[in-house]
Amino acid sequence: MLAAKPDETTTYRVERQRDTDGLTVDHLIVSKANTVAQIVLAGTVLADEGFGLGLETTRLVLVWITGALTFASLAAYLRSWLLHMSGYEPTGAQR
């Protein structure tokens, strides 16, 4: 939940309040790889469009890689959420 609070200069700043009901979200490696792939894809598309580099094949490959990583990230976070909702609590070695 977001809440606006006044600070000393009478402007408002937004603070995120934790309302997770005990759910701890771990940032996964696949999610970080997905973010890198999205940035690389965006940079490649912009460079190709801006400078006419002829990177159509590279762009196509990056689109598929980014799509696969996005789906893998979705699946990993969905699995984490489903395990949480089912009440499953991993032991130390399984985390």
N, C-alpha and C. Protein backbone atom coordinates (compact mmCIF):
# COMPACT_ATOMS: atom_id res chain seq x y z
N MET A 1 0.84 -1.17 0.00
CA MET A 1 0.00 0.00 0.00
C MET A 1 0.89 1.24 0.00
N LEU A 2 0.49 2.21 -0.74
CA LEU A 2 1.26 3.45 -0.81
C LEU A 2 0.59 4.50 0.06
N ALA A 3 1.39 5.29 0.74
CA ALA A 3 0.85 6.35 1.59
C ALA A 3 1.67 7.61 1.39
N ALA A 4 1.00 8.73 1.24
CA ALA A 4 1.70 10.00 1.08
C ALA A 4 1.82 10.66 2.45
N LYS A 5 3.02 11.11 2.76
CA LYS A 5 3.26 11.76 4.04
C LYS A 5 3.98 13.08 3.79
N PRO A 6 3.62 14.12 4.51
CA PRO A 6 4.33 15.40 4.32
C PRO A 6 5.71 15.33 4.95
N ASP A 7 6.68 15.96 4.30
CA ASP A 7 8.00 16.06 4.92
C ASP A 7 8.22 17.51 5.35
N GLU A 8 9.46 17.88 5.67
CA GLU A 8 9.73 19.18 6.24
C GLU A 8 9.42 20.33 5.30
N THR A 9 9.46 20.11 4.00
CA THR A 9 9.25 21.19 3.04
C THR A 9 7.80 21.28 2.57
N THR A 10 6.91 20.63 3.26
CA THR A 10 5.47 20.58 2.97
C THR A 10 5.14 19.99 1.60
N THR A 11 6.10 19.34 0.97
CA THR A 11 5.78 18.56 -0.22
C THR A 11 5.45 17.14 0.23
N TYR A 12 4.95 16.36 -0.66
CA TYR A 12 4.57 15.00 -0.28
C TYR A 12 5.52 14.00 -0.92
N ARG A 13 5.86 13.02 -0.15
CA ARG A 13 6.68 11.93 -0.67
C ARG A 13 5.90 10.64 -0.46
N VAL A 14 6.17 9.69 -1.29
CA VAL A 14 5.43 8.43 -1.25
C VAL A 14 6.29 7.38 -0.57
N GLU A 15 5.73 6.71 0.41
CA GLU A 15 6.41 5.63 1.09
C GLU A 15 5.64 4.34 0.87
N ARG A 16 6.35 3.27 0.63
CA ARG A 16 5.71 1.98 0.47
C ARG A 16 5.61 1.34 1.85
N GLN A 17 4.41 0.97 2.22
CA GLN A 17 4.20 0.30 3.48
C GLN A 17 4.15 -1.19 3.23
N ARG A 18 4.76 -1.97 4.09
CA ARG A 18 4.77 -3.41 3.93
C ARG A 18 3.42 -3.97 4.32
N ASP A 19 2.80 -4.62 3.38
CA ASP A 19 1.51 -5.24 3.60
C ASP A 19 1.53 -6.61 2.93
N THR A 20 2.53 -7.44 3.33
CA THR A 20 2.77 -8.69 2.62
C THR A 20 2.22 -9.90 3.35
N ASP A 21 1.64 -9.73 4.52
CA ASP A 21 1.07 -10.86 5.26
C ASP A 21 2.09 -11.98 5.46
N GLY A 22 3.34 -11.59 5.74
CA GLY A 22 4.36 -12.57 6.05
C GLY A 22 5.04 -13.18 4.84
N LEU A 23 4.72 -12.76 3.63
CA LEU A 23 5.34 -13.31 2.43
C LEU A 23 6.65 -12.59 2.17
N THR A 24 7.72 -13.33 2.15
CA THR A 24 9.03 -12.78 1.82
C THR A 24 9.32 -13.11 0.37
N VAL A 25 9.55 -12.09 -0.43
CA VAL A 25 9.83 -12.29 -1.84
C VAL A 25 11.34 -12.25 -2.04
N ASP A 26 11.90 -13.36 -2.46
CA ASP A 26 13.32 -13.40 -2.77
C ASP A 26 13.51 -13.08 -4.24
N HIS A 27 14.46 -12.23 -4.54
CA HIS A 27 14.74 -11.89 -5.93
C HIS A 27 15.55 -13.02 -6.53
N LEU A 28 15.03 -13.62 -7.58
CA LEU A 28 15.62 -14.81 -8.17
C LEU A 28 16.60 -14.44 -9.28
N ILE A 29 17.56 -15.33 -9.51
CA ILE A 29 18.55 -15.12 -10.56
C ILE A 29 17.87 -15.00 -11.93
N VAL A 30 16.84 -15.82 -12.16
CA VAL A 30 16.16 -15.77 -13.46
C VAL A 30 15.50 -14.41 -13.67
N SER A 31 15.04 -13.80 -12.60
CA SER A 31 14.43 -12.47 -12.71
C SER A 31 15.49 -11.41 -13.04
N LYS A 32 16.64 -11.54 -12.44
CA LYS A 32 17.72 -10.60 -12.73
C LYS A 32 18.21 -10.78 -14.17
N ALA A 33 18.31 -12.02 -14.63
CA ALA A 33 18.70 -12.29 -16.01
C ALA A 33 17.65 -11.73 -16.98
N ASN A 34 16.39 -11.83 -16.61
CA ASN A 34 15.31 -11.29 -17.42
C ASN A 34 15.46 -9.76 -17.55
N THR A 35 15.76 -9.10 -16.47
CA THR A 35 15.95 -7.65 -16.50
C THR A 35 17.11 -7.28 -17.41
N VAL A 36 18.20 -7.99 -17.32
CA VAL A 36 19.36 -7.74 -18.19
C VAL A 36 18.98 -7.95 -19.65
N ALA A 37 18.25 -9.04 -19.93
CA ALA A 37 17.84 -9.32 -21.31
C ALA A 37 16.94 -8.22 -21.85
N GLN A 38 16.03 -7.70 -21.02
CA GLN A 38 15.15 -6.63 -21.46
C GLN A 38 15.93 -5.36 -21.79
N ILE A 39 16.91 -5.04 -20.96
CA ILE A 39 17.73 -3.85 -21.20
C ILE A 39 18.56 -4.01 -22.47
N VAL A 40 19.15 -5.20 -22.65
CA VAL A 40 19.94 -5.46 -23.86
C VAL A 40 19.06 -5.39 -25.10
N LEU A 41 17.87 -5.98 -25.01
CA LEU A 41 16.94 -5.94 -26.14
C LEU A 41 16.55 -4.50 -26.48
N ALA A 42 16.21 -3.72 -25.48
CA ALA A 42 15.83 -2.32 -25.72
C ALA A 42 16.98 -1.55 -26.35
N GLY A 43 18.18 -1.73 -25.84
CA GLY A 43 19.34 -1.04 -26.40
C GLY A 43 19.63 -1.47 -27.83
N THR A 44 19.47 -2.75 -28.10
CA THR A 44 19.69 -3.27 -29.46
C THR A 44 18.68 -2.71 -30.44
N VAL A 45 17.41 -2.69 -30.04
CA VAL A 45 16.36 -2.15 -30.91
C VAL A 45 16.60 -0.66 -31.18
N LEU A 46 16.90 0.08 -30.14
CA LEU A 46 17.14 1.52 -30.31
C LEU A 46 18.35 1.78 -31.22
N ALA A 47 19.42 1.04 -31.01
CA ALA A 47 20.62 1.22 -31.84
C ALA A 47 20.34 0.83 -33.28
N ASP A 48 19.63 -0.27 -33.47
CA ASP A 48 19.32 -0.73 -34.83
C ASP A 48 18.42 0.26 -35.56
N GLU A 49 17.40 0.76 -34.87
CA GLU A 49 16.50 1.73 -35.49
C GLU A 49 17.19 3.07 -35.72
N GLY A 50 18.01 3.47 -34.79
CA GLY A 50 18.66 4.77 -34.88
C GLY A 50 19.78 4.83 -35.89
N PHE A 51 20.54 3.75 -36.01
CA PHE A 51 21.72 3.77 -36.87
C PHE A 51 21.61 2.82 -38.07
N GLY A 52 20.49 2.10 -38.19
CA GLY A 52 20.30 1.20 -39.32
C GLY A 52 21.38 0.13 -39.41
N LEU A 53 21.62 -0.58 -38.33
CA LEU A 53 22.71 -1.54 -38.26
C LEU A 53 22.39 -2.90 -38.89
N GLY A 54 21.14 -3.14 -39.23
CA GLY A 54 20.77 -4.42 -39.85
C GLY A 54 20.84 -5.59 -38.88
N LEU A 55 20.30 -5.39 -37.67
CA LEU A 55 20.37 -6.42 -36.62
C LEU A 55 19.07 -7.21 -36.48
N GLU A 56 18.38 -7.45 -37.60
CA GLU A 56 17.08 -8.12 -37.53
C GLU A 56 17.18 -9.50 -36.87
N THR A 57 18.17 -10.29 -37.28
CA THR A 57 18.33 -11.64 -36.72
C THR A 57 18.67 -11.57 -35.23
N THR A 58 19.56 -10.67 -34.87
CA THR A 58 19.92 -10.49 -33.46
C THR A 58 18.71 -10.07 -32.64
N ARG A 59 17.92 -9.16 -33.19
CA ARG A 59 16.72 -8.71 -32.50
C ARG A 59 15.74 -9.86 -32.30
N LEU A 60 15.56 -10.68 -33.32
CA LEU A 60 14.65 -11.81 -33.22
C LEU A 60 15.11 -12.79 -32.14
N VAL A 61 16.39 -13.08 -32.12
CA VAL A 61 16.93 -13.99 -31.09
C VAL A 61 16.74 -13.39 -29.70
N LEU A 62 17.04 -12.11 -29.55
CA LEU A 62 16.88 -11.45 -28.25
C LEU A 62 15.42 -11.42 -27.81
N VAL A 63 14.49 -11.24 -28.74
CA VAL A 63 13.07 -11.27 -28.39
C VAL A 63 12.69 -12.63 -27.83
N TRP A 64 13.13 -13.70 -28.48
CA TRP A 64 12.80 -15.04 -27.99
C TRP A 64 13.47 -15.34 -26.65
N ILE A 65 14.72 -14.94 -26.48
CA ILE A 65 15.42 -15.15 -25.21
C ILE A 65 14.71 -14.38 -24.10
N THR A 66 14.38 -13.12 -24.36
CA THR A 66 13.71 -12.29 -23.36
C THR A 66 12.34 -12.86 -23.03
N GLY A 67 11.61 -13.32 -24.02
CA GLY A 67 10.31 -13.93 -23.78
C GLY A 67 10.42 -15.18 -22.93
N ALA A 68 11.41 -16.02 -23.23
CA ALA A 68 11.60 -17.25 -22.45
C ALA A 68 11.97 -16.93 -21.00
N LEU A 69 12.85 -15.95 -20.82
CA LEU A 69 13.23 -15.57 -19.46
C LEU A 69 12.06 -14.94 -18.71
N THR A 70 11.22 -14.18 -19.40
CA THR A 70 10.05 -13.59 -18.77
C THR A 70 9.10 -14.69 -18.31
N PHE A 71 8.87 -15.69 -19.14
CA PHE A 71 8.01 -16.81 -18.78
C PHE A 71 8.62 -17.60 -17.62
N ALA A 72 9.93 -17.84 -17.66
CA ALA A 72 10.60 -18.57 -16.58
C ALA A 72 10.50 -17.80 -15.26
N SER A 73 10.65 -16.49 -15.31
CA SER A 73 10.53 -15.66 -14.12
C SER A 73 9.11 -15.73 -13.56
N LEU A 74 8.12 -15.63 -14.45
CA LEU A 74 6.73 -15.76 -14.03
C LEU A 74 6.49 -17.10 -13.35
N ALA A 75 6.98 -18.16 -13.95
CA ALA A 75 6.77 -19.50 -13.38
C ALA A 75 7.44 -19.63 -12.01
N ALA A 76 8.64 -19.08 -11.87
CA ALA A 76 9.36 -19.18 -10.60
C ALA A 76 8.64 -18.42 -9.48
N TYR A 77 8.17 -17.20 -9.79
CA TYR A 77 7.46 -16.43 -8.77
C TYR A 77 6.08 -17.02 -8.48
N LEU A 78 5.43 -17.58 -9.49
CA LEU A 78 4.14 -18.23 -9.28
C LEU A 78 4.31 -19.46 -8.38
N ARG A 79 5.37 -20.22 -8.61
CA ARG A 79 5.65 -21.38 -7.77
C ARG A 79 5.87 -20.95 -6.32
N SER A 80 6.65 -19.88 -6.14
CA SER A 80 6.92 -19.37 -4.80
C SER A 80 5.63 -18.95 -4.10
N TRP A 81 4.77 -18.26 -4.84
CA TRP A 81 3.51 -17.79 -4.27
C TRP A 81 2.59 -18.97 -3.94
N LEU A 82 2.51 -19.95 -4.84
CA LEU A 82 1.66 -21.12 -4.60
C LEU A 82 2.13 -21.90 -3.38
N LEU A 83 3.45 -22.06 -3.23
CA LEU A 83 3.98 -22.74 -2.05
C LEU A 83 3.64 -21.97 -0.78
N HIS A 84 3.73 -20.65 -0.85
CA HIS A 84 3.38 -19.83 0.31
C HIS A 84 1.90 -19.98 0.66
N MET A 85 1.04 -19.92 -0.36
CA MET A 85 -0.39 -19.99 -0.13
C MET A 85 -0.82 -21.37 0.38
N SER A 86 -0.07 -22.41 0.04
CA SER A 86 -0.42 -23.76 0.50
C SER A 86 0.07 -24.02 1.92
N GLY A 87 0.86 -23.09 2.47
CA GLY A 87 1.36 -23.25 3.83
C GLY A 87 2.67 -24.01 3.90
N TYR A 88 3.27 -24.30 2.78
CA TYR A 88 4.53 -25.03 2.74
C TYR A 88 5.65 -24.15 3.29
N GLU A 89 6.43 -24.70 4.21
CA GLU A 89 7.56 -23.97 4.77
C GLU A 89 8.81 -24.81 4.57
N PRO A 90 9.72 -24.39 3.69
CA PRO A 90 10.94 -25.17 3.43
C PRO A 90 11.87 -25.14 4.64
N THR A 91 12.62 -26.21 4.78
CA THR A 91 13.64 -26.23 5.82
C THR A 91 14.85 -25.46 5.32
N GLY A 92 15.85 -25.26 6.15
CA GLY A 92 17.02 -24.46 5.82
C GLY A 92 17.71 -24.86 4.53
N ALA A 93 17.90 -26.16 4.29
CA ALA A 93 18.62 -26.62 3.10
C ALA A 93 17.77 -26.46 1.83
N GLN A 94 16.47 -26.39 1.95
CA GLN A 94 15.61 -26.32 0.78
C GLN A 94 15.35 -24.90 0.32
N ARG A 95 15.71 -23.91 1.08
CA ARG A 95 15.45 -22.52 0.71
C ARG A 95 16.24 -22.08 -0.42
